[in-house]
Protein backbone atom coordinates (compact mmCIF):
# COMPACT_ATOMS: atom_id res chain seq x y z
CA MET A 1 193.04 244.71 193.12
CA SER A 2 191.23 242.44 195.49
CA VAL A 3 189.53 239.16 194.70
CA ILE A 4 186.80 237.49 196.45
CA CYS A 5 188.13 234.38 198.49
CA ALA A 6 186.80 231.27 196.73
CA THR A 7 187.33 229.20 200.11
CA GLY A 8 184.77 231.42 201.90
CA ARG A 9 187.31 231.92 204.82
CA HIS A 10 187.87 235.36 204.13
CA ASP A 11 185.88 238.42 202.45
CA LYS A 12 188.42 239.21 199.83
CA HIS A 13 192.07 238.61 199.07
CA ASP A 14 194.34 241.64 199.08
CA VAL A 15 198.15 241.17 198.86
CA TYR A 16 198.61 244.76 200.20
CA ALA A 17 196.69 243.89 203.36
CA ALA A 18 199.17 242.97 206.24
CA GLN A 19 197.06 239.85 207.42
CA CYS A 20 196.17 238.59 203.88
CA PRO A 21 196.93 235.01 203.66
CA CYS A 22 198.26 235.77 200.18
CA ARG A 23 201.51 237.14 201.69
CA PRO A 24 203.12 233.86 202.53
CA LEU A 25 202.50 232.55 198.88
CA LEU A 26 203.71 235.94 197.36
CA ASP A 27 206.95 235.33 199.57
CA LEU A 28 207.37 231.84 198.39
CA LEU A 29 206.80 232.83 194.76
CA ALA A 30 209.03 236.00 195.04
CA ASN A 31 212.05 234.11 196.43
CA LYS A 32 214.68 233.59 193.83
CA TRP A 33 215.50 229.95 194.61
CA SER A 34 211.64 229.19 194.08
CA ALA A 35 211.67 231.16 190.69
CA LEU A 36 214.72 229.36 189.47
CA ALA A 37 213.62 225.85 190.54
CA ILE A 38 210.39 226.25 189.00
CA GLY A 39 212.10 227.36 185.60
CA ALA A 40 214.47 224.50 186.01
CA LEU A 41 211.50 222.15 186.02
CA GLU A 42 209.61 223.61 183.17
CA THR A 43 211.19 221.29 180.78
CA GLY A 44 210.42 218.30 182.75
CA PRO A 45 211.09 216.22 185.80
CA ARG A 46 214.67 216.54 187.40
CA ARG A 47 216.60 214.54 190.10
CA PHE A 48 217.64 216.50 193.14
CA GLY A 49 221.35 216.53 191.95
CA GLU A 50 220.43 217.66 188.52
CA LEU A 51 218.54 220.61 190.02
CA GLN A 52 221.49 221.53 192.24
CA ARG A 53 224.06 221.60 189.41
CA HIS A 54 221.51 223.80 187.38
CA LEU A 55 220.78 226.18 190.16
CA GLU A 56 224.48 227.23 190.60
CA GLY A 57 225.18 228.43 194.15
CA VAL A 58 222.35 227.00 195.97
CA SER A 59 223.17 224.87 199.06
CA PRO A 60 221.61 221.43 199.38
CA LYS A 61 220.05 222.59 202.59
CA VAL A 62 218.36 225.57 200.97
CA LEU A 63 217.33 223.70 197.83
CA THR A 64 215.77 220.97 200.08
CA GLN A 65 213.71 223.70 201.98
CA THR A 66 212.61 225.47 198.82
CA LEU A 67 211.47 222.09 197.24
CA ARG A 68 209.53 221.18 200.30
CA ARG A 69 207.75 224.39 200.38
CA LEU A 70 207.08 224.28 196.57
CA GLU A 71 205.68 220.73 197.18
CA ASP A 72 203.81 221.67 200.23
CA ALA A 73 202.02 224.71 198.23
CA GLY A 74 201.10 222.19 195.45
CA PHE A 75 203.60 223.60 192.87
CA LEU A 76 205.51 220.33 192.36
CA SER A 77 205.30 216.78 193.04
CA ARG A 78 207.95 214.53 194.32
CA THR A 79 208.29 210.85 193.35
CA VAL A 80 210.32 208.41 195.13
CA TYR A 81 211.54 205.20 192.91
CA PRO A 82 212.59 202.33 195.07
CA ALA A 83 216.02 201.76 193.92
CA VAL A 84 219.59 201.63 195.27
CA PRO A 85 220.46 204.43 195.90
CA LEU A 86 216.93 206.05 196.09
CA HIS A 87 215.95 207.81 193.11
CA VAL A 88 213.74 210.79 193.82
CA GLU A 89 212.42 213.12 190.81
CA TYR A 90 210.66 216.40 191.09
CA GLU A 91 208.16 217.62 188.63
CA LEU A 92 205.76 220.58 188.24
CA THR A 93 202.16 220.20 188.71
CA ASP A 94 199.55 221.78 186.88
CA LEU A 95 199.58 224.71 189.16
CA GLY A 96 203.32 224.82 188.82
CA HIS A 97 203.10 225.02 185.11
CA SER A 98 200.61 227.91 185.23
CA VAL A 99 202.97 229.85 187.72
CA ALA A 100 206.01 229.07 185.51
CA ARG A 101 204.67 231.30 182.72
CA PRO A 102 204.73 234.63 184.55
CA LEU A 103 207.99 233.67 186.42
CA SER A 104 209.49 232.97 183.09
CA GLY A 105 208.63 236.37 181.87
CA LEU A 106 210.17 237.86 185.03
CA ARG A 107 213.40 235.88 184.57
CA GLU A 108 213.72 236.88 180.88
CA TRP A 109 212.90 240.65 181.83
CA VAL A 110 215.75 240.63 184.47
CA GLU A 111 218.22 239.17 181.69
CA GLN A 112 217.18 241.65 179.15
CA HIS A 113 217.39 244.73 181.38
CA LEU A 114 220.03 244.07 183.75
CA ASP A 115 222.58 246.29 181.92
CA LEU A 116 220.11 249.27 182.31
CA ILE A 117 219.89 248.96 185.95
CA GLY A 118 222.35 251.29 187.74
């Protein structure tokens, strides 16, 4: 299913087309750490350490890269509070909340159907 490009830079968006600019966004959202980070932020803002503890197994480097990519895409905001030590919080934007719903469904589906998968 293709959608007319709202920016006017392309005739249409088609994630199946190799050169579609949708592909990098799909890659970002289909990444497990992105899906989990967005899910962890659904309940409200969190600090980096809280996110790292919640997302068991993610390295600080990968979490930092993931959060930066999500922020650059507009899915979350990063707020720095001038304190010692620095206090940084991450929070979903409206766009982030809108993608959190379908990603939540995917996470729930995986948990409910894992035992049925070979």
